[in-house]
């Protein structure tokens, strides 16, 4: 079985990398299954989660100044669509090999006030060894910073599981100084969700962008 788990892992990683995926990891979701907003019988039957990350375009991020703009809004939606397509294709491959696979949309929010979805792509990515929780409450990867988007596939396919990595933002506080509403604090646990969401609503209300997005701290979180 270990050899099968590794060969399956390599197969999925190779397929996704061929489609431009920059981050790939696999997690055991046992520790967070109670947090997943899906029928428990589904969650119990799909013990593995494949976490995929697609890099954002740095030149587009550089166009963000004091607010998100239309080109970033288009890029944000496009990257999410591409991730959903990749997850759909990967789920099809897994299913064709006789296993179950449930792709979770890259940016489908269930509760905007709490900024929660069916599951936390971020928590699964951390369990998959793709990075750590940054001061801006986003996943920080050693190479890409926060400049990527995530998608997840739940599956029962036997897969090698990755381990969380040790990492921190160290002395970097660029996201703190960049935040227009001071929502970002020294510790991730002190992140001010309400201040952040208030600013997102303001951006959306001005119709600069059509949904609740920002991108300012993402731009600030430079690749390491």
N, C-alpha and C. Protein backbone atom coordinates (compact mmCIF):
# COMPACT_ATOMS: atom_id res chain seq x y z
N UNK A 1 0.81 -1.23 0.00
CA UNK A 1 0.00 0.00 0.00
C UNK A 1 0.84 1.28 0.00
N UNK A 2 1.94 1.35 0.78
CA UNK A 2 2.75 2.57 0.75
C UNK A 2 3.23 2.93 -0.66
N UNK A 3 3.64 1.91 -1.45
CA UNK A 3 4.09 2.17 -2.81
C UNK A 3 2.95 2.70 -3.67
N UNK A 4 1.75 2.16 -3.45
CA UNK A 4 0.57 2.62 -4.19
C UNK A 4 0.24 4.06 -3.81
N UNK A 5 0.34 4.37 -2.53
CA UNK A 5 0.08 5.73 -2.07
C UNK A 5 1.06 6.72 -2.73
N UNK A 6 2.31 6.33 -2.81
CA UNK A 6 3.32 7.20 -3.41
C UNK A 6 3.12 7.34 -4.92
N UNK A 7 2.80 6.24 -5.59
CA UNK A 7 2.60 6.32 -7.04
C UNK A 7 1.37 7.15 -7.38
N UNK A 8 0.32 7.04 -6.59
CA UNK A 8 -0.87 7.86 -6.80
C UNK A 8 -0.53 9.34 -6.58
N UNK A 9 0.22 9.60 -5.54
CA UNK A 9 0.65 10.97 -5.21
C UNK A 9 1.43 11.57 -6.38
N UNK A 10 2.38 10.82 -6.89
CA UNK A 10 3.21 11.31 -7.99
C UNK A 10 2.39 11.54 -9.25
N UNK A 11 1.42 10.65 -9.50
CA UNK A 11 0.55 10.80 -10.67
C UNK A 11 -0.23 12.10 -10.61
N UNK A 12 -0.88 12.36 -9.48
CA UNK A 12 -1.69 13.56 -9.34
C UNK A 12 -0.83 14.82 -9.40
N UNK A 13 0.32 14.77 -8.76
CA UNK A 13 1.21 15.93 -8.77
C UNK A 13 1.69 16.24 -10.18
N UNK A 14 2.06 15.22 -10.92
CA UNK A 14 2.54 15.41 -12.29
C UNK A 14 1.45 16.00 -13.17
N UNK A 15 0.22 15.49 -13.03
CA UNK A 15 -0.90 15.98 -13.85
C UNK A 15 -1.19 17.46 -13.56
N UNK A 16 -1.15 17.83 -12.30
CA UNK A 16 -1.48 19.21 -11.95
C UNK A 16 -0.34 20.18 -12.31
N UNK A 17 0.89 19.75 -12.13
CA UNK A 17 2.01 20.60 -12.49
C UNK A 17 2.03 20.90 -13.99
N UNK A 18 1.58 19.92 -14.78
CA UNK A 18 1.50 20.12 -16.22
C UNK A 18 0.48 21.19 -16.59
N UNK A 19 -0.41 21.50 -15.65
CA UNK A 19 -1.44 22.52 -15.89
C UNK A 19 -1.12 23.85 -15.20
N UNK A 20 0.13 23.99 -14.74
CA UNK A 20 0.57 25.25 -14.18
C UNK A 20 0.44 25.39 -12.68
N UNK A 21 0.00 24.33 -12.01
CA UNK A 21 -0.13 24.38 -10.55
C UNK A 21 1.25 24.48 -9.92
N UNK A 22 1.43 25.48 -9.07
CA UNK A 22 2.73 25.68 -8.45
C UNK A 22 2.87 25.04 -7.09
N UNK A 23 1.73 24.77 -6.43
CA UNK A 23 1.74 24.18 -5.10
C UNK A 23 0.88 22.93 -5.08
N UNK A 24 1.43 21.85 -4.53
CA UNK A 24 0.71 20.58 -4.45
C UNK A 24 1.02 19.93 -3.12
N UNK A 25 -0.02 19.48 -2.42
CA UNK A 25 0.17 18.77 -1.17
C UNK A 25 -1.05 17.93 -0.84
N UNK A 26 -0.87 16.98 0.06
CA UNK A 26 -1.96 16.10 0.47
C UNK A 26 -2.04 16.09 1.99
N UNK A 27 -3.27 16.20 2.51
CA UNK A 27 -3.48 16.22 3.96
C UNK A 27 -4.44 15.12 4.39
N UNK A 28 -4.25 14.67 5.62
CA UNK A 28 -5.23 13.83 6.31
C UNK A 28 -6.16 14.81 7.03
N UNK A 29 -7.46 14.74 6.72
CA UNK A 29 -8.38 15.76 7.26
C UNK A 29 -9.01 15.36 8.60
N UNK A 30 -8.54 14.29 9.17
CA UNK A 30 -9.14 13.78 10.42
C UNK A 30 -9.24 14.86 11.49
N UNK A 31 -8.22 15.69 11.63
CA UNK A 31 -8.19 16.68 12.70
C UNK A 31 -9.18 17.81 12.50
N UNK A 32 -9.64 18.04 11.26
CA UNK A 32 -10.52 19.18 11.01
C UNK A 32 -11.85 18.77 10.39
N UNK A 33 -12.16 17.48 10.36
CA UNK A 33 -13.38 17.06 9.67
C UNK A 33 -14.65 17.64 10.27
N UNK A 34 -14.64 17.94 11.56
CA UNK A 34 -15.82 18.53 12.20
C UNK A 34 -16.06 19.96 11.73
N UNK A 35 -15.06 20.59 11.16
CA UNK A 35 -15.17 21.97 10.69
C UNK A 35 -15.66 22.07 9.26
N UNK A 36 -15.78 20.95 8.58
CA UNK A 36 -16.17 20.96 7.17
C UNK A 36 -17.69 21.00 7.03
N UNK A 37 -18.18 21.96 6.28
CA UNK A 37 -19.61 22.19 6.14
C UNK A 37 -20.19 21.34 5.00
N UNK A 38 -20.17 20.03 5.22
CA UNK A 38 -20.72 19.05 4.28
C UNK A 38 -21.33 17.92 5.10
N UNK A 39 -22.23 17.12 4.52
CA UNK A 39 -22.80 16.00 5.27
C UNK A 39 -21.71 15.12 5.87
N UNK A 40 -21.85 14.76 7.13
CA UNK A 40 -20.81 14.03 7.84
C UNK A 40 -20.48 12.71 7.16
N UNK A 41 -21.48 12.05 6.57
CA UNK A 41 -21.21 10.76 5.91
C UNK A 41 -20.29 10.94 4.71
N UNK A 42 -20.38 12.11 4.06
CA UNK A 42 -19.49 12.41 2.94
C UNK A 42 -18.07 12.64 3.44
N UNK A 43 -17.97 13.45 4.48
CA UNK A 43 -16.65 13.77 5.05
C UNK A 43 -15.96 12.51 5.56
N UNK A 44 -16.72 11.65 6.24
CA UNK A 44 -16.16 10.41 6.79
C UNK A 44 -15.64 9.49 5.68
N UNK A 45 -16.25 9.56 4.52
CA UNK A 45 -15.87 8.64 3.44
C UNK A 45 -14.71 9.15 2.59
N UNK A 46 -14.29 10.40 2.82
CA UNK A 46 -13.22 11.01 2.02
C UNK A 46 -12.11 11.52 2.94
N UNK A 47 -11.23 10.65 3.39
CA UNK A 47 -10.25 11.01 4.43
C UNK A 47 -9.04 11.82 3.97
N UNK A 48 -8.85 11.95 2.68
CA UNK A 48 -7.69 12.69 2.17
C UNK A 48 -8.13 13.96 1.47
N UNK A 49 -7.28 14.98 1.51
CA UNK A 49 -7.54 16.22 0.80
C UNK A 49 -6.32 16.60 -0.01
N UNK A 50 -6.53 16.83 -1.30
CA UNK A 50 -5.47 17.31 -2.18
C UNK A 50 -5.57 18.82 -2.25
N UNK A 51 -4.50 19.51 -1.90
CA UNK A 51 -4.47 20.98 -1.90
C UNK A 51 -3.62 21.47 -3.06
N UNK A 52 -4.20 22.36 -3.88
CA UNK A 52 -3.51 22.88 -5.05
C UNK A 52 -3.45 24.40 -4.99
N UNK A 53 -2.31 24.97 -5.37
CA UNK A 53 -2.16 26.41 -5.39
C UNK A 53 -1.67 26.90 -6.75
N UNK A 54 -2.35 27.91 -7.28
CA UNK A 54 -1.98 28.49 -8.57
C UNK A 54 -1.45 29.91 -8.35
N UNK A 55 -0.23 30.19 -8.79
CA UNK A 55 0.35 31.52 -8.56
C UNK A 55 -0.42 32.64 -9.26
N UNK A 56 -0.48 33.78 -8.60
CA UNK A 56 -1.05 34.98 -9.20
C UNK A 56 0.01 35.69 -10.03
N UNK A 57 -0.44 36.50 -10.95
CA UNK A 57 0.47 37.26 -11.81
C UNK A 57 1.02 38.46 -11.05
N UNK A 58 2.32 38.52 -10.85
CA UNK A 58 2.91 39.58 -10.06
C UNK A 58 2.77 40.95 -10.69
N UNK A 59 2.81 41.02 -12.02
CA UNK A 59 2.67 42.31 -12.70
C UNK A 59 1.27 42.89 -12.47
N UNK A 60 0.25 42.01 -12.46
CA UNK A 60 -1.11 42.47 -12.18
C UNK A 60 -1.23 42.93 -10.74
N UNK A 61 -0.62 42.20 -9.81
CA UNK A 61 -0.65 42.61 -8.41
C UNK A 61 -0.01 43.99 -8.23
N UNK A 62 1.01 44.29 -9.01
CA UNK A 62 1.69 45.57 -8.90
C UNK A 62 0.80 46.74 -9.29
N UNK A 63 -0.28 46.47 -10.03
CA UNK A 63 -1.18 47.57 -10.42
C UNK A 63 -2.08 48.00 -9.26
N UNK A 64 -2.15 47.22 -8.19
CA UNK A 64 -2.97 47.58 -7.04
C UNK A 64 -2.25 48.65 -6.23
N UNK A 65 -2.96 49.74 -5.95
CA UNK A 65 -2.37 50.80 -5.14
C UNK A 65 -3.12 50.93 -3.81
N UNK A 66 -4.17 51.72 -3.78
CA UNK A 66 -4.92 51.90 -2.53
C UNK A 66 -6.23 51.12 -2.52
N UNK A 67 -6.50 50.42 -3.62
CA UNK A 67 -7.75 49.65 -3.71
C UNK A 67 -7.61 48.63 -4.83
N UNK A 68 -8.41 47.56 -4.79
CA UNK A 68 -8.40 46.62 -5.91
C UNK A 68 -8.90 47.32 -7.17
N UNK A 69 -8.52 46.83 -8.33
CA UNK A 69 -8.95 47.45 -9.58
C UNK A 69 -9.56 46.41 -10.51
N UNK A 70 -10.01 46.85 -11.65
CA UNK A 70 -10.75 45.96 -12.54
C UNK A 70 -9.86 44.86 -13.13
N UNK A 71 -8.60 45.16 -13.41
CA UNK A 71 -7.74 44.13 -13.98
C UNK A 71 -7.43 43.05 -12.95
N UNK A 72 -7.27 43.45 -11.68
CA UNK A 72 -7.06 42.45 -10.62
C UNK A 72 -8.34 41.64 -10.39
N UNK A 73 -9.47 42.31 -10.42
CA UNK A 73 -10.76 41.63 -10.25
C UNK A 73 -10.93 40.55 -11.32
N UNK A 74 -10.63 40.89 -12.57
CA UNK A 74 -10.73 39.91 -13.66
C UNK A 74 -9.75 38.76 -13.44
N UNK A 75 -8.53 39.10 -13.06
CA UNK A 75 -7.50 38.08 -12.83
C UNK A 75 -7.89 37.15 -11.69
N UNK A 76 -8.39 37.72 -10.61
CA UNK A 76 -8.83 36.95 -9.44
C UNK A 76 -9.88 35.92 -9.85
N UNK A 77 -10.88 36.37 -10.60
CA UNK A 77 -11.94 35.46 -11.03
C UNK A 77 -11.40 34.40 -12.00
N UNK A 78 -10.52 34.81 -12.89
CA UNK A 78 -9.97 33.88 -13.88
C UNK A 78 -9.16 32.78 -13.20
N UNK A 79 -8.31 33.15 -12.25
CA UNK A 79 -7.50 32.16 -11.54
C UNK A 79 -8.39 31.17 -10.79
N UNK A 80 -9.45 31.68 -10.16
CA UNK A 80 -10.38 30.79 -9.48
C UNK A 80 -11.05 29.82 -10.46
N UNK A 81 -11.43 30.33 -11.63
CA UNK A 81 -12.05 29.48 -12.65
C UNK A 81 -11.09 28.40 -13.14
N UNK A 82 -9.84 28.79 -13.35
CA UNK A 82 -8.83 27.82 -13.80
C UNK A 82 -8.62 26.75 -12.73
N UNK A 83 -8.54 27.17 -11.47
CA UNK A 83 -8.38 26.21 -10.38
C UNK A 83 -9.56 25.25 -10.31
N UNK A 84 -10.77 25.77 -10.47
CA UNK A 84 -11.95 24.91 -10.44
C UNK A 84 -11.92 23.90 -11.59
N UNK A 85 -11.44 24.34 -12.75
CA UNK A 85 -11.34 23.43 -13.90
C UNK A 85 -10.29 22.35 -13.65
N UNK A 86 -9.15 22.76 -13.08
CA UNK A 86 -8.11 21.78 -12.77
C UNK A 86 -8.61 20.77 -11.74
N UNK A 87 -9.30 21.27 -10.70
CA UNK A 87 -9.84 20.37 -9.67
C UNK A 87 -10.87 19.43 -10.27
N UNK A 88 -11.70 19.94 -11.16
CA UNK A 88 -12.71 19.11 -11.83
C UNK A 88 -12.04 18.00 -12.64
N UNK A 89 -11.02 18.37 -13.39
CA UNK A 89 -10.30 17.38 -14.21
C UNK A 89 -9.60 16.34 -13.33
N UNK A 90 -8.99 16.80 -12.23
CA UNK A 90 -8.30 15.87 -11.35
C UNK A 90 -9.28 14.92 -10.68
N UNK A 91 -10.44 15.45 -10.29
CA UNK A 91 -11.47 14.60 -9.69
C UNK A 91 -11.93 13.54 -10.69
N UNK A 92 -12.01 13.93 -11.96
CA UNK A 92 -12.39 12.98 -13.01
C UNK A 92 -11.37 11.87 -13.17
N UNK A 93 -10.10 12.23 -13.09
CA UNK A 93 -9.02 11.24 -13.17
C UNK A 93 -9.10 10.26 -12.00
N UNK A 94 -9.29 10.80 -10.81
CA UNK A 94 -9.39 9.96 -9.61
C UNK A 94 -10.58 9.01 -9.73
N UNK A 95 -11.71 9.55 -10.17
CA UNK A 95 -12.92 8.74 -10.31
C UNK A 95 -12.74 7.65 -11.36
N UNK A 96 -12.05 7.97 -12.45
CA UNK A 96 -11.81 7.00 -13.51
C UNK A 96 -10.96 5.83 -13.02
N UNK A 97 -10.22 6.06 -11.95
CA UNK A 97 -9.38 5.00 -11.39
C UNK A 97 -10.08 4.26 -10.26
N UNK A 98 -11.38 4.51 -10.12
CA UNK A 98 -12.18 3.73 -9.19
C UNK A 98 -12.35 4.30 -7.79
N UNK A 99 -11.99 5.57 -7.61
CA UNK A 99 -12.09 6.20 -6.28
C UNK A 99 -13.06 7.38 -6.32
N UNK A 100 -13.43 7.85 -5.17
CA UNK A 100 -14.32 9.01 -5.07
C UNK A 100 -13.48 10.29 -4.99
N UNK A 101 -14.05 11.37 -5.52
CA UNK A 101 -13.36 12.67 -5.45
C UNK A 101 -14.39 13.78 -5.47
N UNK A 102 -14.25 14.71 -4.54
CA UNK A 102 -15.18 15.83 -4.43
C UNK A 102 -14.40 17.14 -4.51
N UNK A 103 -14.46 17.84 -5.67
CA UNK A 103 -13.78 19.13 -5.78
C UNK A 103 -14.57 20.22 -5.06
N UNK A 104 -13.88 21.01 -4.25
CA UNK A 104 -14.49 22.12 -3.51
C UNK A 104 -14.11 23.42 -4.22
N UNK A 105 -15.09 24.24 -4.63
CA UNK A 105 -14.78 25.45 -5.39
C UNK A 105 -13.73 26.34 -4.72
N UNK A 106 -12.93 26.97 -5.55
CA UNK A 106 -11.82 27.80 -5.05
C UNK A 106 -12.30 29.01 -4.26
N UNK A 107 -13.44 29.56 -4.63
CA UNK A 107 -13.85 30.81 -3.98
C UNK A 107 -15.36 30.87 -3.79
N UNK A 108 -15.92 29.82 -3.21
CA UNK A 108 -17.36 29.80 -2.93
C UNK A 108 -17.55 30.05 -1.44
N UNK A 109 -17.96 31.26 -1.08
CA UNK A 109 -18.14 31.63 0.31
C UNK A 109 -19.56 31.32 0.77
N UNK A 110 -19.67 30.64 1.89
CA UNK A 110 -20.97 30.30 2.46
C UNK A 110 -21.48 31.45 3.34
N UNK A 111 -20.56 32.07 4.10
CA UNK A 111 -20.92 33.16 5.00
C UNK A 111 -19.87 34.26 4.88
N UNK A 112 -20.22 35.36 4.19
CA UNK A 112 -19.25 36.43 3.98
C UNK A 112 -18.90 37.14 5.27
N UNK A 113 -19.87 37.27 6.17
CA UNK A 113 -19.61 37.97 7.43
C UNK A 113 -18.49 37.27 8.21
N UNK A 114 -18.52 35.93 8.19
CA UNK A 114 -17.49 35.15 8.87
C UNK A 114 -16.36 34.77 7.91
N UNK A 115 -16.54 35.11 6.64
CA UNK A 115 -15.58 34.75 5.60
C UNK A 115 -15.28 33.25 5.63
N UNK A 116 -16.35 32.45 5.66
CA UNK A 116 -16.21 31.00 5.74
C UNK A 116 -16.80 30.32 4.51
N UNK A 117 -16.27 29.15 4.19
CA UNK A 117 -16.73 28.38 3.03
C UNK A 117 -17.08 26.97 3.48
N UNK A 118 -17.26 26.06 2.52
CA UNK A 118 -17.56 24.67 2.87
C UNK A 118 -16.44 24.07 3.71
N UNK A 119 -15.25 24.52 3.42
CA UNK A 119 -14.07 24.12 4.21
C UNK A 119 -13.02 25.22 4.08
N UNK A 120 -12.02 25.14 4.90
CA UNK A 120 -10.94 26.11 4.85
C UNK A 120 -9.82 25.58 3.95
N UNK A 121 -9.73 26.12 2.73
CA UNK A 121 -8.62 25.74 1.85
C UNK A 121 -7.30 26.04 2.55
N UNK A 122 -7.30 27.12 3.32
CA UNK A 122 -6.09 27.55 4.02
C UNK A 122 -5.63 26.52 5.04
N UNK A 123 -6.55 26.03 5.88
CA UNK A 123 -6.18 25.04 6.90
C UNK A 123 -5.69 23.75 6.27
N UNK A 124 -6.36 23.34 5.20
CA UNK A 124 -5.94 22.11 4.52
C UNK A 124 -4.57 22.30 3.88
N UNK A 125 -4.32 23.47 3.32
CA UNK A 125 -3.00 23.74 2.73
C UNK A 125 -1.91 23.72 3.80
N UNK A 126 -2.23 24.23 4.99
CA UNK A 126 -1.26 24.18 6.09
C UNK A 126 -0.97 22.73 6.48
N UNK A 127 -2.02 21.91 6.60
CA UNK A 127 -1.83 20.50 6.91
C UNK A 127 -1.06 19.79 5.81
N UNK A 128 -1.18 20.30 4.58
CA UNK A 128 -0.51 19.69 3.43
C UNK A 128 0.94 20.14 3.28
N UNK A 129 1.39 21.00 4.18
CA UNK A 129 2.78 21.43 4.14
C UNK A 129 3.09 22.53 3.15
N UNK A 130 2.06 23.29 2.75
CA UNK A 130 2.27 24.32 1.74
C UNK A 130 2.64 25.69 2.32
N UNK A 131 2.55 25.83 3.64
CA UNK A 131 2.91 27.10 4.24
C UNK A 131 2.40 27.24 5.65
N UNK A 132 2.40 28.47 6.16
CA UNK A 132 1.97 28.73 7.53
C UNK A 132 0.98 29.90 7.53
N UNK A 133 0.32 30.10 8.64
CA UNK A 133 -0.63 31.18 8.77
C UNK A 133 0.11 32.49 9.03
N UNK A 134 -0.04 33.44 8.11
CA UNK A 134 0.66 34.72 8.24
C UNK A 134 -0.09 35.72 9.11
N UNK A 135 0.55 36.83 9.37
CA UNK A 135 -0.08 37.88 10.17
C UNK A 135 -1.36 38.40 9.53
N UNK A 136 -1.42 38.35 8.21
CA UNK A 136 -2.61 38.83 7.50
C UNK A 136 -3.71 37.78 7.43
N UNK A 137 -3.53 36.69 8.18
CA UNK A 137 -4.51 35.61 8.26
C UNK A 137 -4.64 34.84 6.95
N UNK A 138 -3.65 34.94 6.10
CA UNK A 138 -3.61 34.19 4.86
C UNK A 138 -2.47 33.18 4.92
N UNK A 139 -2.53 32.20 4.03
CA UNK A 139 -1.45 31.23 3.96
C UNK A 139 -0.22 31.87 3.34
N UNK A 140 0.92 31.69 3.97
CA UNK A 140 2.19 32.21 3.45
C UNK A 140 3.06 31.03 3.05
N UNK A 141 3.46 31.01 1.80
CA UNK A 141 4.35 29.97 1.27
C UNK A 141 5.78 30.51 1.22
N UNK A 142 6.78 29.68 1.52
CA UNK A 142 8.17 30.15 1.53
C UNK A 142 8.63 30.80 0.22
N UNK A 143 8.09 30.35 -0.91
CA UNK A 143 8.53 30.89 -2.20
C UNK A 143 7.57 31.92 -2.80
N UNK A 144 6.28 31.74 -2.58
CA UNK A 144 5.29 32.58 -3.24
C UNK A 144 4.68 33.64 -2.34
N UNK A 145 5.05 33.66 -1.07
CA UNK A 145 4.38 34.56 -0.15
C UNK A 145 2.90 34.22 -0.09
N UNK A 146 2.03 35.23 -0.25
CA UNK A 146 0.58 35.00 -0.31
C UNK A 146 0.05 35.12 -1.73
N UNK A 147 0.94 35.18 -2.70
CA UNK A 147 0.53 35.50 -4.06
C UNK A 147 0.11 34.26 -4.86
N UNK A 148 -0.98 33.64 -4.41
CA UNK A 148 -1.54 32.47 -5.08
C UNK A 148 -2.97 32.27 -4.60
N UNK A 149 -3.72 31.41 -5.30
CA UNK A 149 -5.06 31.02 -4.90
C UNK A 149 -5.09 29.51 -4.70
N UNK A 150 -6.04 29.02 -3.91
CA UNK A 150 -6.10 27.62 -3.53
C UNK A 150 -7.40 26.94 -3.94
N UNK A 151 -7.33 25.64 -4.15
CA UNK A 151 -8.51 24.80 -4.35
C UNK A 151 -8.23 23.45 -3.68
N UNK A 152 -9.29 22.72 -3.36
CA UNK A 152 -9.15 21.45 -2.63
C UNK A 152 -10.02 20.37 -3.26
N UNK A 153 -9.49 19.15 -3.27
CA UNK A 153 -10.27 17.97 -3.67
C UNK A 153 -10.25 16.97 -2.53
N UNK A 154 -11.42 16.59 -2.04
CA UNK A 154 -11.52 15.53 -1.03
C UNK A 154 -11.62 14.20 -1.75
N UNK A 155 -10.95 13.17 -1.23
CA UNK A 155 -10.93 11.88 -1.92
C UNK A 155 -10.67 10.72 -0.97
N UNK A 156 -11.00 9.52 -1.45
CA UNK A 156 -10.65 8.31 -0.71
C UNK A 156 -9.52 7.56 -1.41
N UNK A 157 -8.92 8.18 -2.40
CA UNK A 157 -7.78 7.56 -3.10
C UNK A 157 -6.61 7.43 -2.13
N UNK A 158 -5.98 6.25 -2.07
CA UNK A 158 -4.81 6.10 -1.21
C UNK A 158 -3.68 7.03 -1.67
N UNK A 159 -3.27 7.92 -0.78
CA UNK A 159 -2.26 8.92 -1.13
C UNK A 159 -1.29 9.12 0.02
N UNK A 160 -0.05 9.34 -0.30
CA UNK A 160 0.93 9.73 0.71
C UNK A 160 0.53 11.08 1.29
N UNK A 161 0.65 11.21 2.59
CA UNK A 161 0.25 12.44 3.27
C UNK A 161 1.49 13.29 3.58
N UNK A 162 1.38 14.58 3.29
CA UNK A 162 2.47 15.51 3.61
C UNK A 162 2.34 15.99 5.05
N UNK A 163 3.41 16.55 5.57
CA UNK A 163 3.43 17.05 6.94
C UNK A 163 3.50 18.58 6.93
N UNK A 164 2.89 19.23 7.91
CA UNK A 164 3.00 20.68 8.01
C UNK A 164 4.46 21.09 8.14
N UNK A 165 4.79 22.26 7.62
CA UNK A 165 6.15 22.76 7.71
C UNK A 165 6.25 23.82 8.82
N UNK A 166 7.44 23.99 9.33
CA UNK A 166 7.67 25.04 10.31
C UNK A 166 8.07 26.30 9.58
N UNK A 167 7.43 27.38 9.91
CA UNK A 167 7.76 28.64 9.25
C UNK A 167 7.08 29.79 9.95
N UNK A 168 7.55 30.98 9.70
CA UNK A 168 6.94 32.17 10.28
C UNK A 168 7.27 33.37 9.40
N UNK A 169 6.59 34.46 9.65
CA UNK A 169 6.84 35.69 8.90
C UNK A 169 8.07 36.42 9.41
N UNK A 170 8.61 35.95 10.54
CA UNK A 170 9.82 36.55 11.06
C UNK A 170 9.67 38.04 11.34
N UNK A 171 10.60 38.81 10.82
CA UNK A 171 10.58 40.25 11.06
C UNK A 171 9.75 41.02 10.03
N UNK A 172 9.23 40.31 9.04
CA UNK A 172 8.45 40.98 7.99
C UNK A 172 7.10 41.46 8.53
N UNK A 173 6.81 42.72 8.31
CA UNK A 173 5.53 43.31 8.72
C UNK A 173 4.94 44.17 7.60
N UNK A 174 5.27 43.83 6.37
CA UNK A 174 4.79 44.61 5.23
C UNK A 174 3.27 44.61 5.13
N UNK A 175 2.65 43.49 5.49
CA UNK A 175 1.18 43.43 5.40
C UNK A 175 0.54 44.36 6.43
N UNK A 176 1.17 44.48 7.61
CA UNK A 176 0.62 45.35 8.67
C UNK A 176 0.61 46.80 8.20
N UNK A 177 1.71 47.24 7.65
CA UNK A 177 1.80 48.64 7.21
C UNK A 177 0.96 48.92 5.97
N UNK A 178 0.64 47.90 5.21
CA UNK A 178 -0.12 48.12 3.97
C UNK A 178 -1.62 48.15 4.17
N UNK A 179 -2.12 47.53 5.24
CA UNK A 179 -3.56 47.39 5.43
C UNK A 179 -4.23 48.75 5.65
N UNK A 180 -5.21 49.12 4.83
CA UNK A 180 -5.83 50.46 4.94
C UNK A 180 -6.73 50.64 6.16
N UNK A 181 -7.08 49.55 6.84
CA UNK A 181 -7.95 49.67 8.02
C UNK A 181 -7.30 49.08 9.27
N UNK A 182 -6.01 48.82 9.22
CA UNK A 182 -5.26 48.29 10.37
C UNK A 182 -5.89 47.02 10.93
N UNK A 183 -6.39 46.16 10.03
CA UNK A 183 -6.99 44.90 10.47
C UNK A 183 -5.94 43.86 10.85
N UNK A 184 -4.72 44.04 10.37
CA UNK A 184 -3.65 43.06 10.57
C UNK A 184 -2.82 43.45 11.79
N UNK A 185 -2.65 42.49 12.68
CA UNK A 185 -1.92 42.73 13.93
C UNK A 185 -0.66 41.87 13.97
N UNK A 186 0.03 41.94 15.08
CA UNK A 186 1.25 41.15 15.25
C UNK A 186 0.98 39.65 15.19
N UNK A 187 -0.12 39.21 15.81
CA UNK A 187 -0.45 37.80 15.85
C UNK A 187 -1.64 37.50 14.94
N UNK A 188 -1.60 36.42 14.17
CA UNK A 188 -2.72 36.07 13.29
C UNK A 188 -4.05 35.95 14.03
N UNK A 189 -4.00 35.48 15.27
CA UNK A 189 -5.22 35.31 16.05
C UNK A 189 -5.91 36.60 16.40
N UNK A 190 -5.20 37.72 16.26
CA UNK A 190 -5.78 39.03 16.58
C UNK A 190 -6.31 39.75 15.34
N UNK A 191 -6.29 39.07 14.21
CA UNK A 191 -6.76 39.67 12.96
C UNK A 191 -8.19 40.19 13.13
N UNK A 192 -8.46 41.41 12.70
CA UNK A 192 -9.77 42.05 12.85
C UNK A 192 -10.64 41.77 11.62
N UNK A 193 -11.41 40.68 11.70
CA UNK A 193 -12.25 40.28 10.58
C UNK A 193 -13.26 41.36 10.20
N UNK A 194 -13.87 41.99 11.21
CA UNK A 194 -14.91 42.96 10.94
C UNK A 194 -14.37 44.20 10.22
N UNK A 195 -13.19 44.66 10.62
CA UNK A 195 -12.58 45.79 9.94
C UNK A 195 -12.26 45.45 8.49
N UNK A 196 -11.73 44.24 8.30
CA UNK A 196 -11.40 43.78 6.95
C UNK A 196 -12.66 43.68 6.09
N UNK A 197 -13.70 43.05 6.63
CA UNK A 197 -14.93 42.88 5.86
C UNK A 197 -15.58 44.22 5.56
N UNK A 198 -15.50 45.14 6.50
CA UNK A 198 -16.04 46.48 6.28
C UNK A 198 -15.39 47.15 5.08
N UNK A 199 -14.08 46.99 4.96
CA UNK A 199 -13.36 47.58 3.83
C UNK A 199 -13.72 46.87 2.53
N UNK A 200 -13.89 45.55 2.59
CA UNK A 200 -14.29 44.80 1.39
C UNK A 200 -15.65 45.28 0.89
N UNK A 201 -16.57 45.51 1.82
CA UNK A 201 -17.90 46.00 1.45
C UNK A 201 -17.80 47.38 0.81
N UNK A 202 -16.89 48.19 1.34
CA UNK A 202 -16.70 49.53 0.78
C UNK A 202 -16.19 49.45 -0.66
N UNK A 203 -15.22 48.57 -0.90
CA UNK A 203 -14.69 48.39 -2.25
C UNK A 203 -15.80 47.91 -3.19
N UNK A 204 -16.60 46.97 -2.72
CA UNK A 204 -17.66 46.43 -3.56
C UNK A 204 -18.75 47.46 -3.82
N UNK A 205 -19.05 48.26 -2.82
CA UNK A 205 -20.11 49.26 -2.94
C UNK A 205 -19.75 50.35 -3.95
N UNK A 206 -18.48 50.66 -4.05
CA UNK A 206 -18.04 51.68 -5.00
C UNK A 206 -18.03 51.15 -6.43
N UNK A 207 -18.30 49.83 -6.56
CA UNK A 207 -18.39 49.15 -7.86
C UNK A 207 -17.07 49.14 -8.64
N UNK A 208 -15.98 49.33 -7.91
CA UNK A 208 -14.68 49.14 -8.55
C UNK A 208 -14.50 47.65 -8.88
N UNK A 209 -14.95 46.81 -7.95
CA UNK A 209 -14.94 45.36 -8.15
C UNK A 209 -16.33 44.83 -7.83
N UNK A 210 -16.66 43.67 -8.38
CA UNK A 210 -18.00 43.14 -8.24
C UNK A 210 -18.21 42.18 -7.09
N UNK A 211 -17.18 41.95 -6.29
CA UNK A 211 -17.34 41.08 -5.14
C UNK A 211 -16.37 41.53 -4.05
N UNK A 212 -16.43 40.86 -2.91
CA UNK A 212 -15.64 41.28 -1.76
C UNK A 212 -14.20 40.80 -1.87
N UNK A 213 -13.36 41.59 -2.51
CA UNK A 213 -11.93 41.27 -2.60
C UNK A 213 -11.13 42.54 -2.36
N UNK A 214 -9.86 42.35 -2.03
CA UNK A 214 -8.99 43.50 -1.78
C UNK A 214 -7.67 43.32 -2.56
N UNK A 215 -6.76 42.49 -2.03
CA UNK A 215 -5.49 42.23 -2.71
C UNK A 215 -4.33 43.08 -2.24
N UNK A 216 -4.58 44.06 -1.37
CA UNK A 216 -3.51 44.96 -0.94
C UNK A 216 -2.44 44.21 -0.14
N UNK A 217 -2.87 43.41 0.85
CA UNK A 217 -1.88 42.68 1.64
C UNK A 217 -1.27 41.52 0.87
N UNK A 218 -2.00 41.02 -0.12
CA UNK A 218 -1.44 39.96 -0.98
C UNK A 218 -0.27 40.52 -1.77
N UNK A 219 -0.47 41.72 -2.32
CA UNK A 219 0.60 42.38 -3.05
C UNK A 219 1.81 42.63 -2.14
N UNK A 220 1.53 43.03 -0.90
CA UNK A 220 2.61 43.37 0.04
C UNK A 220 3.43 42.16 0.46
N UNK A 221 2.80 40.98 0.46
CA UNK A 221 3.48 39.76 0.90
C UNK A 221 4.36 39.24 -0.21
N UNK A 222 5.56 39.75 -0.26
CA UNK A 222 6.48 39.47 -1.36
C UNK A 222 7.01 38.04 -1.28
N UNK A 223 7.35 37.51 -2.44
CA UNK A 223 7.96 36.19 -2.50
C UNK A 223 9.27 36.23 -1.74
N UNK A 224 9.54 35.13 -1.03
CA UNK A 224 10.75 35.07 -0.22
C UNK A 224 11.87 34.35 -0.96
